[in-house]
Amino acid sequence: MRVVNIKNEAQREACLARLCAEVYGHQAGIAPLATFAGVLGVLVKQEAARVVALVDGQSRPVALALLVLDEAGVGMTVMQLAELSSDSVEAPAQRLVGELALRAPLRVDAVSEAQEARFREAGITRWFQGKGGVRIGLSAKHPATGLDDLPRTLTVDEGSIVQSFKQDRAQFDDYKQRFVRGLESFPATL
């Protein structure tokens, strides 16, 4: 197994489309498309987002993650994480987070005790109580010592993206075609 930073533009779009579809569900309306468009149109252009995959011994992707930089450019947050069906790797999403936690200044947000437990098993060792019951976990390599010095994660305003889609039908159609094309061309190997 190894972690792959997906730099090829077509593969990145395909993997991001699949990740959005997996995270939001295939019947989620416009939310996956808005995230897809925002990440590609803003964060990837600013080199503030990466799509990574955990691949098995045959280079087949078994888990995908979207990593986004914080405002200071020192840490990365797992914004989306999805497990793909795999017979070859047990708990691939957890293993992906574990590999990333060993190498990077990683932040994760857990919305449940079960999710926090999985992240703890993956090697996220420091935890803080965030707003709205969210628990914020940091890897050992993350430089923040607490919530006070934890920079905000860069985000996109999905509501604004939906509004821009309503005003610019050509933009909407372009991202929709790219999203569908990405789903159809998801790579079997990376």
Protein backbone atom coordinates (compact mmCIF):
# COMPACT_ATOMS: atom_id res chain seq x y z
CA MET A 1 0.00 0.00 0.00
CA ARG A 2 1.04 3.55 -0.65
CA VAL A 3 -0.36 7.06 -0.64
CA VAL A 4 -0.61 8.79 -4.01
CA ASN A 5 -0.91 12.56 -4.42
CA ILE A 6 -3.02 12.79 -7.59
CA LYS A 7 -1.43 15.49 -9.72
CA ASN A 8 -2.67 14.47 -13.17
CA GLU A 9 -5.54 16.88 -13.91
CA ALA A 10 -7.93 14.34 -15.45
CA GLN A 11 -7.29 11.78 -12.71
CA ARG A 12 -7.66 14.46 -10.01
CA GLU A 13 -11.02 15.56 -11.44
CA ALA A 14 -12.20 11.95 -11.66
CA CYS A 15 -11.10 11.16 -8.12
CA LEU A 16 -12.63 14.38 -6.74
CA ALA A 17 -15.93 13.64 -8.50
CA ARG A 18 -15.95 10.11 -7.05
CA LEU A 19 -15.03 11.42 -3.60
CA CYS A 20 -17.85 13.99 -3.65
CA ALA A 21 -20.32 11.38 -4.86
CA GLU A 22 -19.25 8.94 -2.12
CA VAL A 23 -19.33 11.55 0.67
CA TYR A 24 -22.64 13.16 -0.25
CA GLY A 25 -24.34 10.12 -1.74
CA HIS A 26 -25.46 9.68 -5.29
CA GLN A 27 -28.87 11.32 -4.72
CA ALA A 28 -27.62 14.41 -2.86
CA GLY A 29 -28.77 17.10 -5.27
CA ILE A 30 -26.40 19.93 -6.11
CA ALA A 31 -24.12 19.76 -3.02
CA PRO A 32 -21.53 17.37 -4.53
CA LEU A 33 -21.34 19.45 -7.70
CA ALA A 34 -20.95 22.71 -5.74
CA THR A 35 -18.11 21.23 -3.69
CA PHE A 36 -16.49 19.80 -6.82
CA ALA A 37 -16.67 23.20 -8.57
CA GLY A 38 -15.45 25.14 -5.55
CA VAL A 39 -12.49 22.87 -4.91
CA LEU A 40 -11.42 22.87 -8.57
CA GLY A 41 -12.28 26.49 -9.32
CA VAL A 42 -10.79 28.03 -6.18
CA LEU A 43 -8.72 25.77 -3.93
CA VAL A 44 -6.89 23.71 -6.57
CA LYS A 45 -6.13 26.85 -8.61
CA GLN A 46 -4.61 28.41 -5.47
CA GLU A 47 -2.69 25.18 -4.77
CA ALA A 48 -4.53 25.00 -1.43
CA ALA A 49 -6.11 21.57 -1.95
CA ARG A 50 -4.88 18.10 -2.79
CA VAL A 51 -6.67 14.90 -3.64
CA VAL A 52 -4.86 11.83 -2.34
CA ALA A 53 -5.55 8.13 -2.56
CA LEU A 54 -4.47 5.02 -0.74
CA VAL A 55 -3.73 2.33 -3.32
CA ASP A 56 -3.35 -1.40 -2.78
CA GLY A 57 -0.55 -3.63 -4.06
CA GLN A 58 -2.04 -3.60 -7.58
CA SER A 59 -2.24 0.26 -7.56
CA ARG A 60 -6.05 0.19 -7.25
CA PRO A 61 -7.45 3.11 -5.22
CA VAL A 62 -9.09 1.87 -2.00
CA ALA A 63 -9.61 5.21 -0.21
CA LEU A 64 -9.73 8.87 -1.24
CA ALA A 65 -9.25 12.09 0.73
CA LEU A 66 -9.45 15.81 0.06
CA LEU A 67 -6.81 17.76 1.99
CA VAL A 68 -7.10 21.53 2.32
CA LEU A 69 -4.47 23.91 3.68
CA ASP A 70 -5.12 26.23 6.58
CA GLU A 71 -4.87 30.03 6.27
CA ALA A 72 -1.27 30.03 7.51
CA GLY A 73 -0.24 27.34 5.02
CA VAL A 74 1.25 25.15 7.75
CA GLY A 75 -1.38 22.46 8.31
CA MET A 76 -3.78 20.36 6.25
CA THR A 77 -7.33 19.39 7.12
CA VAL A 78 -9.04 16.24 5.91
CA MET A 79 -12.14 17.86 4.41
CA GLN A 80 -13.54 14.73 2.80
CA LEU A 81 -12.71 11.07 3.25
CA ALA A 82 -14.19 8.02 1.57
CA GLU A 83 -13.57 4.32 1.54
CA LEU A 84 -13.95 2.52 -1.76
CA SER A 85 -14.94 -1.13 -1.87
CA SER A 86 -11.90 -3.28 -1.30
CA ASP A 87 -11.27 -6.91 -0.51
CA SER A 88 -7.52 -6.36 -0.27
CA VAL A 89 -7.28 -3.72 2.49
CA GLU A 90 -9.05 -3.62 5.84
CA ALA A 91 -10.33 -0.16 6.94
CA PRO A 92 -8.68 1.69 4.02
CA ALA A 93 -9.91 5.18 4.97
CA GLN A 94 -8.52 4.77 8.48
CA ARG A 95 -5.24 3.47 7.04
CA LEU A 96 -5.05 6.48 4.71
CA VAL A 97 -5.49 8.88 7.63
CA GLY A 98 -2.87 6.90 9.56
CA GLU A 99 -0.35 7.21 6.73
CA LEU A 100 -1.04 10.93 6.38
CA ALA A 101 -0.79 11.49 10.15
CA LEU A 102 2.73 10.02 10.13
CA ARG A 103 3.93 12.39 7.41
CA ALA A 104 1.95 15.61 7.58
CA PRO A 105 0.72 18.33 9.94
CA LEU A 106 -2.80 16.91 9.78
CA ARG A 107 -6.09 18.08 11.28
CA VAL A 108 -9.31 16.09 11.42
CA ASP A 109 -12.74 17.06 12.68
CA ALA A 110 -14.79 14.34 14.36
CA VAL A 111 -18.56 14.76 14.72
CA SER A 112 -19.13 11.60 16.74
CA GLU A 113 -17.39 9.51 19.38
CA ALA A 114 -17.11 6.62 16.90
CA GLN A 115 -15.44 8.85 14.33
CA GLU A 116 -13.03 10.19 16.96
CA ALA A 117 -12.19 6.62 18.01
CA ARG A 118 -11.37 5.66 14.40
CA PHE A 119 -9.13 8.72 14.04
CA ARG A 120 -7.41 7.91 17.35
CA GLU A 121 -6.71 4.40 16.06
CA ALA A 122 -5.25 6.00 12.93
CA GLY A 123 -2.72 7.93 15.01
CA ILE A 124 -4.37 11.29 15.67
CA THR A 125 -3.14 11.87 19.21
CA ARG A 126 -4.11 15.37 20.35
CA TRP A 127 -7.75 16.37 20.74
CA PHE A 128 -9.56 19.63 21.50
CA GLN A 129 -13.21 20.53 21.95
CA GLY A 130 -14.37 22.68 19.04
CA LYS A 131 -17.61 24.53 18.42
CA GLY A 132 -20.91 22.71 18.07
CA GLY A 133 -19.68 19.51 19.66
CA VAL A 134 -17.02 18.93 17.00
CA ARG A 135 -13.80 17.38 18.30
CA ILE A 136 -10.64 18.61 16.56
CA GLY A 137 -7.75 16.18 16.29
CA LEU A 138 -4.16 17.00 15.36
CA SER A 139 -1.35 14.71 14.30
CA ALA A 140 1.97 14.79 16.13
CA LYS A 141 3.50 16.81 13.27
CA HIS A 142 0.95 19.64 13.51
CA PRO A 143 2.60 22.74 15.05
CA ALA A 144 -0.50 24.08 16.85
CA THR A 145 -0.52 23.61 20.62
CA GLY A 146 -4.21 24.41 21.12
CA LEU A 147 -7.28 26.01 19.62
CA ASP A 148 -5.91 29.54 20.12
CA ASP A 149 -3.05 29.04 17.66
CA LEU A 150 -4.88 26.75 15.24
CA PRO A 151 -5.32 28.58 11.91
CA ARG A 152 -8.68 28.36 10.16
CA THR A 153 -8.97 25.94 7.27
CA LEU A 154 -9.53 27.46 3.85
CA THR A 155 -13.01 26.77 2.52
CA VAL A 156 -15.28 27.61 -0.38
CA ASP A 157 -18.70 29.16 -0.05
CA GLU A 158 -20.93 26.51 -1.61
CA GLY A 159 -23.98 28.79 -1.37
CA SER A 160 -22.20 31.38 -3.52
CA ILE A 161 -21.26 28.69 -6.01
CA VAL A 162 -24.88 27.57 -6.29
CA GLN A 163 -25.89 31.22 -6.85
CA SER A 164 -23.24 31.61 -9.55
CA PHE A 165 -24.60 28.46 -11.22
CA LYS A 166 -28.04 30.09 -11.33
CA GLN A 167 -26.58 33.20 -12.94
CA ASP A 168 -24.21 31.48 -15.35
CA ARG A 169 -25.78 28.43 -16.98
CA ALA A 170 -22.67 27.80 -19.13
CA GLN A 171 -20.50 27.52 -16.01
CA PHE A 172 -23.01 25.15 -14.42
CA ASP A 173 -23.11 22.98 -17.55
CA ASP A 174 -19.30 22.91 -17.77
CA TYR A 175 -18.84 21.73 -14.18
CA LYS A 176 -21.72 19.27 -14.50
CA GLN A 177 -20.13 17.73 -17.61
CA ARG A 178 -16.73 17.57 -15.92
CA PHE A 179 -18.29 15.93 -12.85
CA VAL A 180 -20.14 13.29 -14.88
CA ARG A 181 -17.10 12.70 -17.10
CA GLY A 182 -15.00 12.28 -13.94
CA LEU A 183 -17.38 9.69 -12.52
CA GLU A 184 -17.39 7.80 -15.82
CA SER A 185 -13.59 7.84 -16.15
CA PHE A 186 -12.62 7.01 -12.55
CA PRO A 187 -9.22 5.30 -12.88
CA ALA A 188 -8.96 1.59 -12.07
CA THR A 189 -5.32 2.14 -11.09
CA LEU A 190 -3.18 5.12 -10.05
